[in-house]
Amino acid sequence: MIKMQLTGAFDAGGWQWDGHRWTSGRSWIEPFTHPAIEHVMVTTPESGQSCLIVREAASDRQPVTMSRRVMSSSGYRRQVEEADAWPLQAVRVEMAAGQGVRITCGERGVAPLYLRPTSGQLTVSWDVLDLAPGADDLDAREVAAMLAYRTRYSTATVFRTIRHLTERSTAAWDHTTGLSIGYPAQALHSRPASCTPTPIPWPRSATCCGARSQPVRCPPTAARWSCPAAWTAP
């Protein structure tokens, strides 16, 4: 859904649309062109922040009619919150002059997003081949897991120098400190329900686990398949 190359600090003038991609200095961001994908650059002069939102178009939502929206700080925050709650896949890139970049992937994970940090530069693409990986970059453990059909859904890839941004994760990058990826908060699981099975009546001549029970009933915690001698007559 998105490709980008971030190099050094951004221009104080912000990001400009050239009809194909957003540019700022030597950096550029290119949303994927498709009728089912829309994007909008939201900026706020009050704080100098910019947020590029690239998302799947939803049939029940108002389509994007302009590529840039200049809003107040409160309006900016609403747009970011709307991107988080978008019903389909959405990726947002938050930037500010003189600061780093935050790339957040939506919860759908429809299209992959690969990142390759180098000295003072970050290259991002949905196509891993755009990042020009080499054979000497292969990670033996991840290659072995892939060949054994035991791949893990994580930031790791078969290349040591390339990271994968998983759903709901956020990548933070700065040309001086490099790349870091934060996972979402742990999911809250419900408490397992207690299971109290109803005792099953057995024939009076049967034994349960080798011992006759009076009355002849299997203990509540025993099950038919866990009592091999349940149908054995004494």
C-alpha atoms as a PDB file:
ATOM      1  CA  MET A   1       0.000   0.000   0.000  1.00  0.00           C
ATOM      2  CA  ILE A   2       2.938   2.325   0.487  1.00  0.00           C
ATOM      3  CA  LYS A   3       6.597   2.860  -0.396  1.00  0.00           C
ATOM      4  CA  MET A   4       8.968   5.442   1.028  1.00  0.00           C
ATOM      5  CA  GLN A   5      12.553   6.485   1.378  1.00  0.00           C
ATOM      6  CA  LEU A   6      13.452   8.737   4.291  1.00  0.00           C
ATOM      7  CA  THR A   7      16.831  10.433   4.258  1.00  0.00           C
ATOM      8  CA  GLY A   8      18.073  12.888   6.844  1.00  0.00           C
ATOM      9  CA  ALA A   9      15.924  15.635   8.321  1.00  0.00           C
ATOM     10  CA  PHE A  10      12.784  16.924   6.640  1.00  0.00           C
ATOM     11  CA  ASP A  11      12.333  20.384   5.182  1.00  0.00           C
ATOM     12  CA  ALA A  12      10.683  22.993   7.386  1.00  0.00           C
ATOM     13  CA  GLY A  13       8.302  23.680   4.493  1.00  0.00           C
ATOM     14  CA  GLY A  14       6.656  20.304   4.998  1.00  0.00           C
ATOM     15  CA  TRP A  15       5.609  17.729   2.444  1.00  0.00           C
ATOM     16  CA  GLN A  16       4.629  18.581  -1.122  1.00  0.00           C
ATOM     17  CA  TRP A  17       2.570  16.504  -3.556  1.00  0.00           C
ATOM     18  CA  ASP A  18       4.006  16.263  -7.076  1.00  0.00           C
ATOM     19  CA  GLY A  19       1.160  14.213  -8.539  1.00  0.00           C
ATOM     20  CA  HIS A  20       2.928  10.925  -7.904  1.00  0.00           C
ATOM     21  CA  ARG A  21       4.463  11.035  -4.427  1.00  0.00           C
ATOM     22  CA  TRP A  22       4.942  13.235  -1.362  1.00  0.00           C
ATOM     23  CA  THR A  23       8.393  14.820  -1.111  1.00  0.00           C
ATOM     24  CA  SER A  24      10.324  16.743   1.523  1.00  0.00           C
ATOM     25  CA  GLY A  25      13.978  17.398   0.853  1.00  0.00           C
ATOM     26  CA  ARG A  26      15.575  14.107  -0.188  1.00  0.00           C
ATOM     27  CA  SER A  27      12.763  12.049   1.352  1.00  0.00           C
ATOM     28  CA  TRP A  28       9.673  10.797  -0.460  1.00  0.00           C
ATOM     29  CA  ILE A  29       6.546   8.742   0.282  1.00  0.00           C
ATOM     30  CA  GLU A  30       4.588   7.049  -2.492  1.00  0.00           C
ATOM     31  CA  PRO A  31       1.103   5.614  -1.813  1.00  0.00           C
ATOM     32  CA  PHE A  32       0.070   2.703  -4.005  1.00  0.00           C
ATOM     33  CA  THR A  33      -2.206   3.850  -6.821  1.00  0.00           C
ATOM     34  CA  HIS A  34      -5.415   1.812  -6.954  1.00  0.00           C
ATOM     35  CA  PRO A  35      -9.137   2.673  -7.083  1.00  0.00           C
ATOM     36  CA  ALA A  36      -9.685   0.846  -3.793  1.00  0.00           C
ATOM     37  CA  ILE A  37      -6.968   2.795  -1.951  1.00  0.00           C
ATOM     38  CA  GLU A  38      -7.117   6.424  -0.870  1.00  0.00           C
ATOM     39  CA  HIS A  39      -4.722   8.696   0.984  1.00  0.00           C
ATOM     40  CA  VAL A  40      -4.745  12.081   2.652  1.00  0.00           C
ATOM     41  CA  MET A  41      -2.025  14.249   4.225  1.00  0.00           C
ATOM     42  CA  VAL A  42      -3.284  15.918   7.400  1.00  0.00           C
ATOM     43  CA  THR A  43      -1.241  18.856   8.717  1.00  0.00           C
ATOM     44  CA  THR A  44      -1.586  21.285  11.585  1.00  0.00           C
ATOM     45  CA  PRO A  45       0.335  24.594  11.550  1.00  0.00           C
ATOM     46  CA  GLU A  46      -0.047  24.909  15.311  1.00  0.00           C
ATOM     47  CA  SER A  47       2.420  22.107  16.089  1.00  0.00           C
ATOM     48  CA  GLY A  48       4.002  21.607  12.676  1.00  0.00           C
ATOM     49  CA  GLN A  49       2.925  17.951  12.594  1.00  0.00           C
ATOM     50  CA  SER A  50       1.944  16.018   9.494  1.00  0.00           C
ATOM     51  CA  CYS A  51       0.265  12.635   9.176  1.00  0.00           C
ATOM     52  CA  LEU A  52      -0.102  10.719   5.922  1.00  0.00           C
ATOM     53  CA  ILE A  53      -2.985   8.243   6.086  1.00  0.00           C
ATOM     54  CA  VAL A  54      -3.141   5.514   3.436  1.00  0.00           C
ATOM     55  CA  ARG A  55      -6.157   3.245   3.708  1.00  0.00           C
ATOM     56  CA  GLU A  56      -8.572   0.993   1.906  1.00  0.00           C
ATOM     57  CA  ALA A  57     -11.651   2.864   0.744  1.00  0.00           C
ATOM     58  CA  ALA A  58     -14.780   1.927   2.679  1.00  0.00           C
ATOM     59  CA  SER A  59     -18.060   1.884   0.767  1.00  0.00           C
ATOM     60  CA  ASP A  60     -20.010   3.226   3.751  1.00  0.00           C
ATOM     61  CA  ARG A  61     -17.645   6.159   4.409  1.00  0.00           C
ATOM     62  CA  GLN A  62     -17.229   9.484   2.658  1.00  0.00           C
ATOM     63  CA  PRO A  63     -14.429   9.169   0.068  1.00  0.00           C
ATOM     64  CA  VAL A  64     -11.366  11.422   0.189  1.00  0.00           C
ATOM     65  CA  THR A  65     -11.838  14.405  -2.152  1.00  0.00           C
ATOM     66  CA  MET A  66      -8.587  16.261  -1.452  1.00  0.00           C
ATOM     67  CA  SER A  67      -5.037  15.050  -0.900  1.00  0.00           C
ATOM     68  CA  ARG A  68      -4.219  17.571   1.866  1.00  0.00           C
ATOM     69  CA  ARG A  69      -6.166  18.807   4.868  1.00  0.00           C
ATOM     70  CA  VAL A  70      -4.938  21.684   7.034  1.00  0.00           C
ATOM     71  CA  MET A  71      -6.583  21.455  10.437  1.00  0.00           C
ATOM     72  CA  SER A  72      -6.328  22.631  14.021  1.00  0.00           C
ATOM     73  CA  SER A  73      -4.585  20.492  16.631  1.00  0.00           C
ATOM     74  CA  SER A  74      -7.897  19.040  17.800  1.00  0.00           C
ATOM     75  CA  GLY A  75      -8.932  18.274  14.225  1.00  0.00           C
ATOM     76  CA  TYR A  76      -5.566  16.654  13.619  1.00  0.00           C
ATOM     77  CA  ARG A  77      -6.028  14.358  16.613  1.00  0.00           C
ATOM     78  CA  ARG A  78      -9.515  13.409  15.422  1.00  0.00           C
ATOM     79  CA  GLN A  79      -8.139  12.390  12.030  1.00  0.00           C
ATOM     80  CA  VAL A  80      -5.492  10.210  13.675  1.00  0.00           C
ATOM     81  CA  GLU A  81      -8.098   8.586  15.930  1.00  0.00           C
ATOM     82  CA  GLU A  82     -10.333   7.984  12.917  1.00  0.00           C
ATOM     83  CA  ALA A  83      -7.459   6.227  11.161  1.00  0.00           C
ATOM     84  CA  ASP A  84      -7.017   3.957  14.195  1.00  0.00           C
ATOM     85  CA  ALA A  85     -10.723   3.074  14.166  1.00  0.00           C
ATOM     86  CA  TRP A  86     -10.950   2.626  10.376  1.00  0.00           C
ATOM     87  CA  PRO A  87     -12.921  -0.589   9.572  1.00  0.00           C
ATOM     88  CA  LEU A  88     -10.463  -1.652   6.856  1.00  0.00           C
ATOM     89  CA  GLN A  89      -6.689  -1.650   6.586  1.00  0.00           C
ATOM     90  CA  ALA A  90      -4.990   1.690   7.223  1.00  0.00           C
ATOM     91  CA  VAL A  91      -1.384   2.795   7.562  1.00  0.00           C
ATOM     92  CA  ARG A  92      -0.400   6.149   8.979  1.00  0.00           C
ATOM     93  CA  VAL A  93       2.942   7.956   8.853  1.00  0.00           C
ATOM     94  CA  GLU A  94       3.373  10.717  11.454  1.00  0.00           C
ATOM     95  CA  MET A  95       6.114  13.299  10.928  1.00  0.00           C
ATOM     96  CA  ALA A  96       7.294  16.662  12.209  1.00  0.00           C
ATOM     97  CA  ALA A  97      10.126  18.924  11.102  1.00  0.00           C
ATOM     98  CA  GLY A  98      13.279  18.229  13.057  1.00  0.00           C
ATOM     99  CA  GLN A  99      11.810  15.088  14.632  1.00  0.00           C
ATOM    100  CA  GLY A 100      11.579  11.406  13.820  1.00  0.00           C
ATOM    101  CA  VAL A 101       8.917   9.392  11.991  1.00  0.00           C
ATOM    102  CA  ARG A 102       6.305   7.003  13.367  1.00  0.00           C
ATOM    103  CA  ILE A 103       4.793   4.393  11.029  1.00  0.00           C
ATOM    104  CA  THR A 104       1.767   2.569  12.401  1.00  0.00           C
ATOM    105  CA  CYS A 105       0.185  -0.436  10.701  1.00  0.00           C
ATOM    106  CA  GLY A 106      -3.540  -1.109  10.984  1.00  0.00           C
ATOM    107  CA  GLU A 107      -5.082  -4.199  12.521  1.00  0.00           C
ATOM    108  CA  ARG A 108      -6.055  -5.872   9.233  1.00  0.00           C
ATOM    109  CA  GLY A 109      -2.535  -6.543   7.975  1.00  0.00           C
ATOM    110  CA  VAL A 110      -3.732  -6.872   4.380  1.00  0.00           C
ATOM    111  CA  ALA A 111      -0.497  -5.780   2.713  1.00  0.00           C
ATOM    112  CA  PRO A 112       2.945  -6.373   4.224  1.00  0.00           C
ATOM    113  CA  LEU A 113       5.268  -3.520   5.083  1.00  0.00           C
ATOM    114  CA  TYR A 114       9.013  -4.168   5.065  1.00  0.00           C
ATOM    115  CA  LEU A 115      11.616  -1.777   6.464  1.00  0.00           C
ATOM    116  CA  ARG A 116      15.349  -1.613   5.859  1.00  0.00           C
ATOM    117  CA  PRO A 117      17.333   0.887   7.915  1.00  0.00           C
ATOM    118  CA  THR A 118      20.804   1.902   6.786  1.00  0.00           C
ATOM    119  CA  SER A 119      23.119   4.656   7.884  1.00  0.00           C
ATOM    120  CA  GLY A 120      20.943   7.770   7.961  1.00  0.00           C
ATOM    121  CA  GLN A 121      18.261   6.290   5.701  1.00  0.00           C
ATOM    122  CA  LEU A 122      15.101   4.191   5.957  1.00  0.00           C
ATOM    123  CA  THR A 123      13.628   2.383   2.958  1.00  0.00           C
ATOM    124  CA  VAL A 124      10.090   0.992   3.221  1.00  0.00           C
ATOM    125  CA  SER A 125       8.039  -1.024   0.736  1.00  0.00           C
ATOM    126  CA  TRP A 126       5.306  -3.618   0.496  1.00  0.00           C
ATOM    127  CA  ASP A 127       7.586  -5.502  -1.942  1.00  0.00           C
ATOM    128  CA  VAL A 128      10.640  -6.910  -0.179  1.00  0.00           C
ATOM    129  CA  LEU A 129      12.589  -7.014  -3.451  1.00  0.00           C
ATOM    130  CA  ASP A 130      12.495  -3.211  -3.574  1.00  0.00           C
ATOM    131  CA  LEU A 131      14.839  -3.246  -0.595  1.00  0.00           C
ATOM    132  CA  ALA A 132      17.562  -5.036  -2.615  1.00  0.00           C
ATOM    133  CA  PRO A 133      18.375  -7.827  -0.150  1.00  0.00           C
ATOM    134  CA  GLY A 134      21.506  -9.867  -0.746  1.00  0.00           C
ATOM    135  CA  ALA A 135      22.318 -13.528  -0.202  1.00  0.00           C
ATOM    136  CA  ASP A 136      24.796 -12.571   2.507  1.00  0.00           C
ATOM    137  CA  ASP A 137      21.916 -11.009   4.472  1.00  0.00           C
ATOM    138  CA  LEU A 138      20.093 -14.317   4.947  1.00  0.00           C
ATOM    139  CA  ASP A 139      19.194 -15.293   8.507  1.00  0.00           C
ATOM    140  CA  ALA A 140      19.888 -19.029   8.933  1.00  0.00           C
ATOM    141  CA  ARG A 141      17.269 -19.520  11.664  1.00  0.00           C
ATOM    142  CA  GLU A 142      14.466 -17.800   9.736  1.00  0.00           C
ATOM    143  CA  VAL A 143      15.394 -19.617   6.517  1.00  0.00           C
ATOM    144  CA  ALA A 144      15.294 -22.962   8.336  1.00  0.00           C
ATOM    145  CA  ALA A 145      11.887 -22.093   9.840  1.00  0.00           C
ATOM    146  CA  MET A 146      10.545 -21.174   6.402  1.00  0.00           C
ATOM    147  CA  LEU A 147      11.812 -24.415   4.816  1.00  0.00           C
ATOM    148  CA  ALA A 148      10.228 -26.407   7.650  1.00  0.00           C
ATOM    149  CA  TYR A 149       6.899 -24.553   7.199  1.00  0.00           C
ATOM    150  CA  ARG A 150       7.214 -23.136  10.725  1.00  0.00           C
ATOM    151  CA  THR A 151       7.426 -19.454   9.972  1.00  0.00           C
ATOM    152  CA  ARG A 152       6.632 -17.010  12.782  1.00  0.00           C
ATOM    153  CA  TYR A 153       4.483 -13.916  12.484  1.00  0.00           C
ATOM    154  CA  SER A 154       6.933 -11.380  13.837  1.00  0.00           C
ATOM    155  CA  THR A 155       9.162  -8.511  12.802  1.00  0.00           C
ATOM    156  CA  ALA A 156      11.859 -10.977  11.752  1.00  0.00           C
ATOM    157  CA  THR A 157      12.298 -11.898   8.070  1.00  0.00           C
ATOM    158  CA  VAL A 158      14.652 -14.231   6.238  1.00  0.00           C
ATOM    159  CA  PHE A 159      16.973 -11.231   5.852  1.00  0.00           C
ATOM    160  CA  ARG A 160      18.804  -9.897   8.908  1.00  0.00           C
ATOM    161  CA  THR A 161      18.732  -6.303   7.651  1.00  0.00           C
ATOM    162  CA  ILE A 162      14.994  -6.213   6.860  1.00  0.00           C
ATOM    163  CA  ARG A 163      12.153  -5.934   9.355  1.00  0.00           C
ATOM    164  CA  HIS A 164       8.442  -6.637   8.930  1.00  0.00           C
ATOM    165  CA  LEU A 165       5.903  -4.275  10.465  1.00  0.00           C
ATOM    166  CA  THR A 166       3.184  -6.526  11.865  1.00  0.00           C
ATOM    167  CA  GLU A 167      -0.406  -5.507  12.443  1.00  0.00           C
ATOM    168  CA  ARG A 168      -0.956  -2.806  15.097  1.00  0.00           C
ATOM    169  CA  SER A 169       2.803  -2.336  15.497  1.00  0.00           C
ATOM    170  CA  THR A 170       4.578   1.021  15.307  1.00  0.00           C
ATOM    171  CA  ALA A 171       8.002   1.689  13.845  1.00  0.00           C
ATOM    172  CA  ALA A 172       9.890   4.746  15.094  1.00  0.00           C
ATOM    173  CA  TRP A 173      12.825   6.027  13.028  1.00  0.00           C
ATOM    174  CA  ASP A 174      15.204   8.921  13.289  1.00  0.00           C
ATOM    175  CA  HIS A 175      18.220   9.543  11.073  1.00  0.00           C
ATOM    176  CA  THR A 176      20.432   9.766  14.156  1.00  0.00           C
ATOM    177  CA  THR A 177      19.049   7.042  16.472  1.00  0.00           C
ATOM    178  CA  GLY A 178      17.914   4.499  13.877  1.00  0.00           C
ATOM    179  CA  LEU A 179      14.900   2.162  13.854  1.00  0.00           C
ATOM    180  CA  SER A 180      12.890   0.669  16.700  1.00  0.00           C
ATOM    181  CA  ILE A 181       9.631  -1.293  16.535  1.00  0.00           C
ATOM    182  CA  GLY A 182       7.030  -1.413  19.291  1.00  0.00           C
ATOM    183  CA  TYR A 183       4.458  -4.162  19.564  1.00  0.00           C
ATOM    184  CA  PRO A 184       0.863  -3.452  20.601  1.00  0.00           C
ATOM    185  CA  ALA A 185      -0.289  -4.033  24.129  1.00  0.00           C
ATOM    186  CA  GLN A 186      -1.095  -7.616  25.071  1.00  0.00           C
ATOM    187  CA  ALA A 187      -4.635  -8.740  24.361  1.00  0.00           C
ATOM    188  CA  LEU A 188      -6.874  -9.247  27.386  1.00  0.00           C
ATOM    189  CA  HIS A 189      -8.190 -12.794  27.527  1.00  0.00           C
ATOM    190  CA  SER A 190     -11.354 -13.777  29.346  1.00  0.00           C
ATOM    191  CA  ARG A 191     -11.132 -16.124  32.313  1.00  0.00           C
ATOM    192  CA  PRO A 192     -11.691 -19.747  31.239  1.00  0.00           C
ATOM    193  CA  ALA A 193     -15.158 -21.008  32.100  1.00  0.00           C
ATOM    194  CA  SER A 194     -15.470 -23.716  34.739  1.00  0.00           C
ATOM    195  CA  CYS A 195     -16.649 -27.057  33.379  1.00  0.00           C
ATOM    196  CA  THR A 196     -18.685 -29.339  35.637  1.00  0.00           C
ATOM    197  CA  PRO A 197     -19.745 -32.367  33.598  1.00  0.00           C
ATOM    198  CA  THR A 198     -22.893 -34.260  34.516  1.00  0.00           C
ATOM    199  CA  PRO A 199     -22.121 -37.743  35.914  1.00  0.00           C
ATOM    200  CA  ILE A 200     -22.843 -40.444  33.350  1.00  0.00           C
ATOM    201  CA  PRO A 201     -24.736 -43.516  34.598  1.00  0.00           C
ATOM    202  CA  TRP A 202     -22.922 -46.781  33.841  1.00  0.00           C
ATOM    203  CA  PRO A 203     -24.178 -50.415  33.952  1.00  0.00           C
ATOM    204  CA  ARG A 204     -24.141 -51.891  37.489  1.00  0.00           C
ATOM    205  CA  SER A 205     -21.811 -54.635  36.327  1.00  0.00           C
ATOM    206  CA  ALA A 206     -19.231 -52.187  35.033  1.00  0.00           C
ATOM    207  CA  THR A 207     -16.099 -51.081  36.793  1.00  0.00           C
ATOM    208  CA  CYS A 208     -14.511 -47.678  36.535  1.00  0.00           C
ATOM    209  CA  CYS A 209     -10.719 -47.583  36.334  1.00  0.00           C
ATOM    210  CA  GLY A 210     -10.632 -51.181  37.627  1.00  0.00           C
ATOM    211  CA  ALA A 211     -12.687 -50.580  40.779  1.00  0.00           C
ATOM    212  CA  ARG A 212     -16.420 -51.079  41.343  1.00  0.00           C
ATOM    213  CA  SER A 213     -18.192 -47.879  42.322  1.00  0.00           C
ATOM    214  CA  GLN A 214     -21.295 -47.789  44.499  1.00  0.00           C
ATOM    215  CA  PRO A 215     -23.547 -46.584  43.010  1.00  0.00           C
ATOM    216  CA  VAL A 216     -22.051 -47.457  39.678  1.00  0.00           C
ATOM    217  CA  ARG A 217     -21.279 -44.029  38.265  1.00  0.00           C
ATOM    218  CA  CYS A 218     -18.110 -42.673  36.705  1.00  0.00           C
ATOM    219  CA  PRO A 219     -16.546 -39.896  38.842  1.00  0.00           C
ATOM    220  CA  PRO A 220     -17.520 -36.404  37.615  1.00  0.00           C
ATOM    221  CA  THR A 221     -13.986 -35.716  36.422  1.00  0.00           C
ATOM    222  CA  ALA A 222     -13.671 -38.936  34.446  1.00  0.00           C
ATOM    223  CA  ALA A 223     -14.797 -39.166  30.863  1.00  0.00           C
ATOM    224  CA  ARG A 224     -15.790 -42.164  28.778  1.00  0.00           C
ATOM    225  CA  TRP A 225     -12.591 -41.940  26.711  1.00  0.00           C
ATOM    226  CA  SER A 226     -10.349 -41.566  29.768  1.00  0.00           C
ATOM    227  CA  CYS A 227     -11.603 -44.667  31.549  1.00  0.00           C
ATOM    228  CA  PRO A 228     -10.474 -47.677  29.463  1.00  0.00           C
ATOM    229  CA  ALA A 229     -11.855 -50.228  31.924  1.00  0.00           C
ATOM    230  CA  ALA A 230     -15.267 -48.606  32.258  1.00  0.00           C
ATOM    231  CA  TRP A 231     -17.016 -51.318  30.249  1.00  0.00           C
ATOM    232  CA  THR A 232     -15.101 -54.289  31.705  1.00  0.00           C
ATOM    233  CA  ALA A 233     -17.200 -56.658  33.781  1.00  0.00           C
ATOM    234  CA  PRO A 234     -15.680 -57.815  37.099  1.00  0.00           C
END
